[in-house]
Amino acid sequence: MTNTGATTATARLNFAKAAPKAFRALIGFDAAAREGLDPALVELVQIRASQLNGCAYCLHMHTSDARKAGESEERLHMVSVWKDAAHFFTEQEQAALALTEAVTLVGQAGVPDAVYGPAAARFTEEELARLLALIFTINTWNRIALSTAKVPGTDERTAH
């Protein structure tokens, strides 16, 4: 999936400035979701959702963050084809990536028991809840970036 409509001559709104309370609430939700989760797993989930959503802005941001955190180029290149390159990822990471795909593409087939079960078996209930929250937040960030035509490589984070 690509975002062919991302290029625009017209400036779009700055969501953080136009809806500061909503933006701050999302930052808080995002921070709470990450709490206690492995930082490498967090980036893998955010990368995969951003790939599925065609969000170049977030994909650039999270691959850069993953590199800074020590993630290997080899694994980063394999995220989009993780099912065929499963040996690059732990069983827990595979379960998280499968859940990320199911939740991100929830309108296609829901979240099947065959996907939810392995994730529930590899994460505590609290971790699973935070993982789901993380998937929810990256999908929201993707939609904000795509809707407001954020330009990849112009990481404007002061709070994200």
Protein backbone atom coordinates (compact mmCIF):
# COMPACT_ATOMS: atom_id res chain seq x y z
CA MET A 1 0.00 0.00 0.00
CA THR A 2 1.43 3.36 -0.93
CA ASN A 3 0.28 6.83 -0.15
CA THR A 4 0.11 8.31 -3.64
CA GLY A 5 -1.70 11.42 -2.46
CA ALA A 6 0.95 12.52 0.04
CA THR A 7 2.43 15.24 -2.12
CA THR A 8 0.49 18.44 -1.84
CA ALA A 9 1.16 22.07 -2.65
CA THR A 10 -1.24 23.18 0.05
CA ALA A 11 -0.07 23.21 3.65
CA ARG A 12 -2.20 21.14 5.96
CA LEU A 13 -2.97 21.78 9.58
CA ASN A 14 -0.52 21.16 12.36
CA PHE A 15 -2.48 18.65 14.45
CA ALA A 16 -0.42 19.25 17.60
CA LYS A 17 -1.16 22.98 17.50
CA ALA A 18 -4.77 22.70 16.33
CA ALA A 19 -5.79 20.03 18.87
CA PRO A 20 -3.24 20.24 21.69
CA LYS A 21 -5.35 18.40 24.28
CA ALA A 22 -5.99 15.49 21.93
CA PHE A 23 -2.33 15.45 20.92
CA ARG A 24 -1.12 15.43 24.54
CA ALA A 25 -3.63 12.70 25.41
CA LEU A 26 -2.29 10.56 22.59
CA ILE A 27 1.28 11.15 23.75
CA GLY A 28 0.27 10.01 27.24
CA PHE A 29 -1.50 6.94 25.86
CA ASP A 30 1.54 6.12 23.73
CA ALA A 31 3.91 6.46 26.71
CA ALA A 32 1.68 4.26 28.89
CA ALA A 33 1.49 1.63 26.14
CA ARG A 34 5.29 1.40 25.83
CA GLU A 35 5.84 1.07 29.57
CA GLY A 36 7.36 -2.29 30.39
CA LEU A 37 7.62 -3.47 26.77
CA ASP A 38 10.98 -4.28 25.19
CA PRO A 39 12.08 -1.17 23.25
CA ALA A 40 13.16 -3.31 20.26
CA LEU A 41 9.71 -4.91 20.16
CA VAL A 42 8.08 -1.48 20.33
CA GLU A 43 9.99 -0.31 17.25
CA LEU A 44 9.28 -3.53 15.31
CA VAL A 45 5.55 -3.13 15.96
CA GLN A 46 5.62 0.54 14.96
CA ILE A 47 7.61 -0.24 11.82
CA ARG A 48 5.26 -3.02 10.72
CA ALA A 49 2.08 -1.00 11.26
CA SER A 50 3.62 1.95 9.43
CA GLN A 51 4.54 -0.32 6.50
CA LEU A 52 1.00 -1.69 6.32
CA ASN A 53 -0.51 1.78 6.50
CA GLY A 54 1.89 3.23 3.92
CA CYS A 55 3.06 5.90 6.36
CA ALA A 56 6.50 6.95 5.14
CA TYR A 57 6.82 9.65 7.81
CA CYS A 58 6.38 7.18 10.70
CA LEU A 59 8.34 4.45 8.94
CA HIS A 60 11.34 6.77 8.57
CA MET A 61 11.01 7.88 12.19
CA HIS A 62 10.78 4.40 13.68
CA THR A 63 13.46 2.77 11.54
CA SER A 64 15.77 5.64 12.56
CA ASP A 65 14.82 5.14 16.22
CA ALA A 66 15.40 1.39 15.92
CA ARG A 67 18.87 1.94 14.45
CA LYS A 68 19.74 4.38 17.25
CA ALA A 69 18.60 1.74 19.76
CA GLY A 70 20.98 -0.81 18.18
CA GLU A 71 18.61 -2.72 15.89
CA SER A 72 20.43 -4.46 13.04
CA GLU A 73 19.96 -3.46 9.42
CA GLU A 74 19.39 -7.13 8.65
CA ARG A 75 16.37 -7.39 10.91
CA LEU A 76 15.00 -4.02 9.78
CA HIS A 77 15.09 -5.24 6.18
CA MET A 78 13.19 -8.39 7.16
CA VAL A 79 10.27 -6.78 9.02
CA SER A 80 8.09 -6.49 5.91
CA VAL A 81 8.63 -10.20 5.12
CA TRP A 82 8.86 -11.48 8.67
CA LYS A 83 6.66 -14.52 8.00
CA ASP A 84 9.13 -15.77 5.40
CA ALA A 85 12.11 -14.77 7.55
CA ALA A 86 10.78 -15.88 10.93
CA HIS A 87 14.20 -17.10 12.10
CA PHE A 88 15.27 -13.44 12.38
CA PHE A 89 12.66 -12.86 15.08
CA THR A 90 11.87 -14.46 18.43
CA GLU A 91 8.59 -16.29 18.91
CA GLN A 92 7.39 -13.36 21.02
CA GLU A 93 8.30 -10.88 18.27
CA GLN A 94 6.57 -13.05 15.67
CA ALA A 95 3.43 -13.16 17.80
CA ALA A 96 3.56 -9.37 18.23
CA LEU A 97 4.05 -8.80 14.49
CA ALA A 98 1.14 -11.11 13.67
CA LEU A 99 -1.07 -9.29 16.17
CA THR A 100 0.07 -5.94 14.74
CA GLU A 101 -0.99 -7.04 11.27
CA ALA A 102 -4.36 -8.36 12.44
CA VAL A 103 -5.20 -5.25 14.46
CA THR A 104 -3.93 -2.86 11.78
CA LEU A 105 -5.96 -4.67 9.12
CA VAL A 106 -8.85 -5.45 11.47
CA GLY A 107 -11.48 -4.59 8.86
CA GLN A 108 -10.33 -7.44 6.63
CA ALA A 109 -10.65 -10.42 8.96
CA GLY A 110 -10.92 -9.22 12.52
CA VAL A 111 -8.36 -10.57 14.97
CA PRO A 112 -8.51 -14.36 14.56
CA ASP A 113 -8.00 -16.68 17.54
CA ALA A 114 -5.07 -18.19 15.60
CA VAL A 115 -3.32 -14.81 15.90
CA TYR A 116 -4.56 -13.70 19.31
CA GLY A 117 -3.82 -17.04 21.02
CA PRO A 118 -0.05 -17.12 20.35
CA ALA A 119 0.27 -13.51 21.47
CA ALA A 120 -1.69 -14.22 24.65
CA ALA A 121 0.58 -17.22 25.30
CA ARG A 122 3.79 -15.20 24.95
CA PHE A 123 2.86 -12.06 26.87
CA THR A 124 1.43 -11.57 30.33
CA GLU A 125 -2.06 -10.10 30.41
CA GLU A 126 -0.62 -6.67 31.29
CA GLU A 127 1.99 -6.88 28.52
CA LEU A 128 -0.64 -7.97 26.01
CA ALA A 129 -2.85 -5.03 26.97
CA ARG A 130 0.09 -2.63 26.54
CA LEU A 131 1.00 -4.28 23.21
CA LEU A 132 -2.56 -3.76 21.98
CA ALA A 133 -2.45 -0.15 23.18
CA LEU A 134 0.84 0.33 21.33
CA ILE A 135 -0.71 -1.03 18.14
CA PHE A 136 -3.68 1.31 18.60
CA THR A 137 -1.40 4.33 19.09
CA ILE A 138 0.87 3.70 16.10
CA ASN A 139 -2.19 3.27 13.90
CA THR A 140 -3.48 6.61 15.20
CA TRP A 141 -0.08 8.29 14.66
CA ASN A 142 -0.04 6.86 11.10
CA ARG A 143 -3.47 8.29 10.40
CA ILE A 144 -2.48 11.70 11.75
CA ALA A 145 0.70 11.77 9.65
CA LEU A 146 -1.08 10.61 6.50
CA SER A 147 -4.06 12.94 6.96
CA THR A 148 -1.87 15.97 7.55
CA ALA A 149 0.69 15.04 4.84
CA LYS A 150 3.72 14.81 7.11
CA VAL A 151 6.93 14.71 5.05
CA PRO A 152 9.29 11.77 5.72
CA GLY A 153 12.64 12.83 7.10
CA THR A 154 11.24 15.93 8.80
CA ASP A 155 10.94 14.47 12.27
CA GLU A 156 9.20 17.24 14.18
CA ARG A 157 9.09 15.39 17.47
CA THR A 158 9.34 17.36 20.57
CA ALA A 159 6.71 15.21 22.21
CA HIS A 160 6.11 12.11 19.99
